[in-house]
Structures are given as C-alpha cells and as structure tokens.
Amino acid sequence: MRGKMKQTAVSVYQGDITKLKVDAIVNAANPSLLGGGGVDGAIHLAAGRELKEACRKLGGCAVGQAKPTEGFNLPARYIIHTVGPIWQGGGKGEAEALGSCYKNSLTIASEQGFASIAFPAISTGVYGYPKRQAAEIALAAIRGFCAKESTLDIVYLVAFDPATAELYRELAARKAGESA
C-alpha cells in the first residue's frame, strides 16, 4: 500500500464562473470553440479577443473531448473547453458523452498539475440536458476520477442560479454520505 491518497474536495459555488481565481475553468463550448451563448459567450467576453484567436488555432473540438487554452483576461490561469452532448431523450449516448466531458477535462487538469478547477453545468442550457441527470453524471465522473491519482485539491461545481446550486448541494451531500 502506498500510503493515504489525498482527498479532493468538491464544493458548490453559486455565481459567475468567470470571476473564480482557480487554475482552470471549464467552458461548455460548442464544437467550433469560437464562442456562443450562455457560459461560452460569457467566458469569451470576459477572457477577451485573444481567446477567440487561440481557439481558432485548436481547429474545433468533438463532443465529449476537451482542449485547453490560456485564461487571458480571466482570473483563472487556463480554460479547458469541452463540448457537451445535445439532449436527444437519453438513448443516443448522451450520458457517456457528458461523463467524457468531465473525465477529459479532469485528465488535462491532472496532467498539467492543477490544484483547482471549476465546472459549469455542462449541456444543461440550450443543449437541454435535464439538470438532475447532468448533475448526477458530473458528480459520479468527478468522484470516480479523483478517487484515483489526481493533483486536484478542489473541484468547484458552479451554478449560475440558486436552483441549480441547491440541486448540486443536495446531490453532493447525499453522495458524500453514501461513500462515507
């Protein structure tokens, strides 16, 4: 046995993801990575025009994959762009694709030695993923990844609205009790 592994904390933050001073924030991007609405548009606006040029050089991103850029004008040092699935009723591999968004983003963070990362509620806006199902997938992917070797000290689940923040808190508390 190699000794006790450190425990990664999962914390809920209600507010604007672009204001967080963390190693990386995750952008719920569209496949072009060139900006859009919702959190994607807010991140592009806050990061500045250099972000669009950096994203252009990445050549897009497939659903479930992730690609990093600098954070530019954000307090976060980096942005990890990931493309979530569009909800189509749940029978078209959406859960696996959404889980991959979290796992691939966490892999990049761990490979870079990051200690902190913040995730928005990926795919729950215009992509229509049911919030409770998306939150359960997010927590399972984060806990599963962080139970293995991880550099992360803290993972933030960021909710822009009070209802999503409360959902995250409820599920995080329930899951923590189940695994204790």
Foldseek 3Di string as FASTA:
>chain_A
DPDDDDDAAEAEAAAQQLADQFQEEEAQAAQQLQADDDNRNVQDVQQDPVSNVVSNVVRGDDQLAWDKDASRNGSHGIYIYHHAAQDDPPPPCRLVSLLSRLLNVQVVCQVVLTAEYEYELHCVPPSPDPLLSSLVSNVVSVNVNSVPDGSYRYYYYYHHDPVSSVSNVVVVVVVVVVVD
